Amino acid sequence: MNWIPAPDITRKIHALVKNLDFVYVDAKRVICFRSSGSVSRARARIWSLPRIWQLALKIEAHYVIEVLAERFDDLSDDDQTRVLIHELMHIPKTFSGSLVPHHGRFHSINHRTVETLFRQYQQKK
């Protein structure tokens, strides 16, 4: 598998954070990569830096958003935006280095919520 920095995705993440209600996300600490060679069915993934690693390395929480070129790059611009919104929704409001699951007691990342945020973004863009 190969990973390369994805400045185009970084720009999209910065625009989403700025235009949507992701005020708790420090976009400078969300690093974006494009990977190739994966056999995963995912279009994108988010990686966290758990608290133990933050303490060990003496750094603040960071997140990595990885887009899988084989499944992401052929999507329309709108669908790419939806995927990135979905990944941002995995970041908790505490920006602690943990991740929000798809379903849980307090959060639910679902198609309806992503679509609502996508429409808000389209109006503000």
C-alpha atoms as a PDB file:
ATOM      1  CA  MET A   1       0.000   0.000   0.000  1.00  0.00           C
ATOM      2  CA  ASN A   2       1.188   3.513  -0.793  1.00  0.00           C
ATOM      3  CA  TRP A   3       0.293   6.762   0.966  1.00  0.00           C
ATOM      4  CA  ILE A   4       0.904  10.256  -0.384  1.00  0.00           C
ATOM      5  CA  PRO A   5      -0.128  13.608   1.084  1.00  0.00           C
ATOM      6  CA  ALA A   6      -3.432  14.852  -0.358  1.00  0.00           C
ATOM      7  CA  PRO A   7      -3.427  18.663  -0.404  1.00  0.00           C
ATOM      8  CA  ASP A   8      -6.658  18.695  -2.461  1.00  0.00           C
ATOM      9  CA  ILE A   9      -8.436  16.780   0.315  1.00  0.00           C
ATOM     10  CA  THR A  10      -6.866  19.055   2.937  1.00  0.00           C
ATOM     11  CA  ARG A  11      -8.372  22.079   1.147  1.00  0.00           C
ATOM     12  CA  LYS A  12     -11.795  20.407   1.070  1.00  0.00           C
ATOM     13  CA  ILE A  13     -11.568  19.553   4.780  1.00  0.00           C
ATOM     14  CA  HIS A  14     -10.653  23.166   5.633  1.00  0.00           C
ATOM     15  CA  ALA A  15     -13.647  24.423   3.593  1.00  0.00           C
ATOM     16  CA  LEU A  16     -16.020  21.956   5.292  1.00  0.00           C
ATOM     17  CA  VAL A  17     -14.782  22.846   8.776  1.00  0.00           C
ATOM     18  CA  LYS A  18     -15.124  26.553   8.002  1.00  0.00           C
ATOM     19  CA  ASN A  19     -18.596  26.366   6.457  1.00  0.00           C
ATOM     20  CA  LEU A  20     -20.272  23.755   8.648  1.00  0.00           C
ATOM     21  CA  ASP A  21     -20.729  23.445  12.387  1.00  0.00           C
ATOM     22  CA  PHE A  22     -17.365  21.784  12.989  1.00  0.00           C
ATOM     23  CA  VAL A  23     -16.053  24.615  15.200  1.00  0.00           C
ATOM     24  CA  TYR A  24     -14.457  22.063  17.526  1.00  0.00           C
ATOM     25  CA  VAL A  25     -12.273  20.640  14.738  1.00  0.00           C
ATOM     26  CA  ASP A  26      -8.784  22.105  14.494  1.00  0.00           C
ATOM     27  CA  ALA A  27      -8.307  21.638  10.756  1.00  0.00           C
ATOM     28  CA  LYS A  28      -4.554  22.187  11.114  1.00  0.00           C
ATOM     29  CA  ARG A  29      -4.442  18.926  13.080  1.00  0.00           C
ATOM     30  CA  VAL A  30      -6.347  16.913  10.474  1.00  0.00           C
ATOM     31  CA  ILE A  31      -3.806  15.468   8.076  1.00  0.00           C
ATOM     32  CA  CYS A  32      -4.999  14.069   4.738  1.00  0.00           C
ATOM     33  CA  PHE A  33      -3.529  11.264   2.663  1.00  0.00           C
ATOM     34  CA  ARG A  34      -4.478   9.442  -0.506  1.00  0.00           C
ATOM     35  CA  SER A  35      -3.700   5.746  -0.520  1.00  0.00           C
ATOM     36  CA  SER A  36      -3.548   3.231  -3.318  1.00  0.00           C
ATOM     37  CA  GLY A  37      -3.261  -0.511  -3.373  1.00  0.00           C
ATOM     38  CA  SER A  38      -5.838  -1.265  -0.689  1.00  0.00           C
ATOM     39  CA  VAL A  39      -8.322  -4.091  -1.087  1.00  0.00           C
ATOM     40  CA  SER A  40     -10.698  -2.468   1.389  1.00  0.00           C
ATOM     41  CA  ARG A  41     -14.229  -1.642   0.287  1.00  0.00           C
ATOM     42  CA  ALA A  42     -14.045   1.688   2.137  1.00  0.00           C
ATOM     43  CA  ARG A  43     -13.895   4.967   0.248  1.00  0.00           C
ATOM     44  CA  ALA A  44     -12.187   6.774   3.094  1.00  0.00           C
ATOM     45  CA  ARG A  45     -11.081   6.156   6.662  1.00  0.00           C
ATOM     46  CA  ILE A  46     -10.247   8.265   9.655  1.00  0.00           C
ATOM     47  CA  TRP A  47      -7.383   7.415  11.957  1.00  0.00           C
ATOM     48  CA  SER A  48      -6.986   8.752  15.475  1.00  0.00           C
ATOM     49  CA  LEU A  49      -4.038   9.343  17.755  1.00  0.00           C
ATOM     50  CA  PRO A  50      -5.057   7.761  21.072  1.00  0.00           C
ATOM     51  CA  ARG A  51      -4.342   9.516  24.342  1.00  0.00           C
ATOM     52  CA  ILE A  52      -1.534   7.148  25.316  1.00  0.00           C
ATOM     53  CA  TRP A  53       0.384   8.070  22.149  1.00  0.00           C
ATOM     54  CA  GLN A  54      -0.289  11.772  22.702  1.00  0.00           C
ATOM     55  CA  LEU A  55       1.257  11.487  26.170  1.00  0.00           C
ATOM     56  CA  ALA A  56       4.164   9.347  24.987  1.00  0.00           C
ATOM     57  CA  LEU A  57       5.019  11.677  22.103  1.00  0.00           C
ATOM     58  CA  LYS A  58       4.109  14.877  23.982  1.00  0.00           C
ATOM     59  CA  ILE A  59       1.831  16.138  21.216  1.00  0.00           C
ATOM     60  CA  GLU A  60      -1.798  17.181  20.945  1.00  0.00           C
ATOM     61  CA  ALA A  61      -4.518  15.087  19.359  1.00  0.00           C
ATOM     62  CA  HIS A  62      -4.344  14.692  15.590  1.00  0.00           C
ATOM     63  CA  TYR A  63      -6.462  12.867  13.064  1.00  0.00           C
ATOM     64  CA  VAL A  64      -5.638  11.429   9.645  1.00  0.00           C
ATOM     65  CA  ILE A  65      -8.234  11.240   6.911  1.00  0.00           C
ATOM     66  CA  GLU A  66      -7.224   8.710   4.299  1.00  0.00           C
ATOM     67  CA  VAL A  67      -9.040   8.574   0.979  1.00  0.00           C
ATOM     68  CA  LEU A  68      -8.646   5.306  -0.915  1.00  0.00           C
ATOM     69  CA  ALA A  69      -7.885   6.326  -4.488  1.00  0.00           C
ATOM     70  CA  GLU A  70      -9.465   3.286  -6.141  1.00  0.00           C
ATOM     71  CA  ARG A  71     -12.841   3.921  -4.511  1.00  0.00           C
ATOM     72  CA  PHE A  72     -12.806   7.685  -3.816  1.00  0.00           C
ATOM     73  CA  ASP A  73     -11.298   9.396  -6.840  1.00  0.00           C
ATOM     74  CA  ASP A  74     -13.981   8.275  -9.306  1.00  0.00           C
ATOM     75  CA  LEU A  75     -16.808   9.661  -7.154  1.00  0.00           C
ATOM     76  CA  SER A  76     -18.514  12.880  -8.185  1.00  0.00           C
ATOM     77  CA  ASP A  77     -17.408  16.018  -6.365  1.00  0.00           C
ATOM     78  CA  ASP A  78     -20.690  15.991  -4.403  1.00  0.00           C
ATOM     79  CA  ASP A  79     -20.227  12.374  -3.319  1.00  0.00           C
ATOM     80  CA  GLN A  80     -16.624  13.065  -2.321  1.00  0.00           C
ATOM     81  CA  THR A  81     -17.911  15.917  -0.169  1.00  0.00           C
ATOM     82  CA  ARG A  82     -20.452  13.598   1.460  1.00  0.00           C
ATOM     83  CA  VAL A  83     -17.731  11.056   2.242  1.00  0.00           C
ATOM     84  CA  LEU A  84     -15.530  13.733   3.826  1.00  0.00           C
ATOM     85  CA  ILE A  85     -18.433  15.046   5.920  1.00  0.00           C
ATOM     86  CA  HIS A  86     -19.011  11.492   7.123  1.00  0.00           C
ATOM     87  CA  GLU A  87     -15.356  11.166   8.159  1.00  0.00           C
ATOM     88  CA  LEU A  88     -15.412  14.532   9.988  1.00  0.00           C
ATOM     89  CA  MET A  89     -18.442  13.346  11.943  1.00  0.00           C
ATOM     90  CA  HIS A  90     -16.235  10.666  13.528  1.00  0.00           C
ATOM     91  CA  ILE A  91     -14.288  13.408  15.351  1.00  0.00           C
ATOM     92  CA  PRO A  92     -15.764  14.007  18.825  1.00  0.00           C
ATOM     93  CA  LYS A  93     -16.581  17.506  20.052  1.00  0.00           C
ATOM     94  CA  THR A  94     -13.735  17.156  22.560  1.00  0.00           C
ATOM     95  CA  PHE A  95     -11.191  16.706  19.737  1.00  0.00           C
ATOM     96  CA  SER A  96      -9.504  14.303  22.130  1.00  0.00           C
ATOM     97  CA  GLY A  97      -7.972  11.808  19.741  1.00  0.00           C
ATOM     98  CA  SER A  98     -10.790   9.315  20.127  1.00  0.00           C
ATOM     99  CA  LEU A  99     -13.408   8.470  17.499  1.00  0.00           C
ATOM    100  CA  VAL A 100     -17.204   8.594  17.430  1.00  0.00           C
ATOM    101  CA  PRO A 101     -18.666   5.232  16.332  1.00  0.00           C
ATOM    102  CA  HIS A 102     -21.396   4.947  13.710  1.00  0.00           C
ATOM    103  CA  HIS A 103     -24.051   4.113  16.299  1.00  0.00           C
ATOM    104  CA  GLY A 104     -24.023   4.801  19.976  1.00  0.00           C
ATOM    105  CA  ARG A 105     -25.739   6.234  22.967  1.00  0.00           C
ATOM    106  CA  PHE A 106     -25.133   9.876  22.096  1.00  0.00           C
ATOM    107  CA  HIS A 107     -24.213   9.924  18.421  1.00  0.00           C
ATOM    108  CA  SER A 108     -25.418   8.400  15.229  1.00  0.00           C
ATOM    109  CA  ILE A 109     -23.603   8.891  11.959  1.00  0.00           C
ATOM    110  CA  ASN A 110     -26.165   8.137   9.295  1.00  0.00           C
ATOM    111  CA  HIS A 111     -27.045   9.042   5.730  1.00  0.00           C
ATOM    112  CA  ARG A 112     -29.748  11.515   6.791  1.00  0.00           C
ATOM    113  CA  THR A 113     -27.359  13.539   8.952  1.00  0.00           C
ATOM    114  CA  VAL A 114     -24.654  13.558   6.287  1.00  0.00           C
ATOM    115  CA  GLU A 115     -27.180  14.681   3.672  1.00  0.00           C
ATOM    116  CA  THR A 116     -28.432  17.501   5.922  1.00  0.00           C
ATOM    117  CA  LEU A 117     -24.884  18.786   6.440  1.00  0.00           C
ATOM    118  CA  PHE A 118     -24.162  18.405   2.718  1.00  0.00           C
ATOM    119  CA  ARG A 119     -27.156  20.603   1.840  1.00  0.00           C
ATOM    120  CA  GLN A 120     -26.055  23.221   4.385  1.00  0.00           C
ATOM    121  CA  TYR A 121     -22.592  23.226   2.837  1.00  0.00           C
ATOM    122  CA  GLN A 122     -24.010  23.620  -0.690  1.00  0.00           C
ATOM    123  CA  GLN A 123     -25.977  26.680   0.438  1.00  0.00           C
ATOM    124  CA  LYS A 124     -22.938  28.331   2.088  1.00  0.00           C
ATOM    125  CA  LYS A 125     -20.411  27.467  -0.611  1.00  0.00           C
END
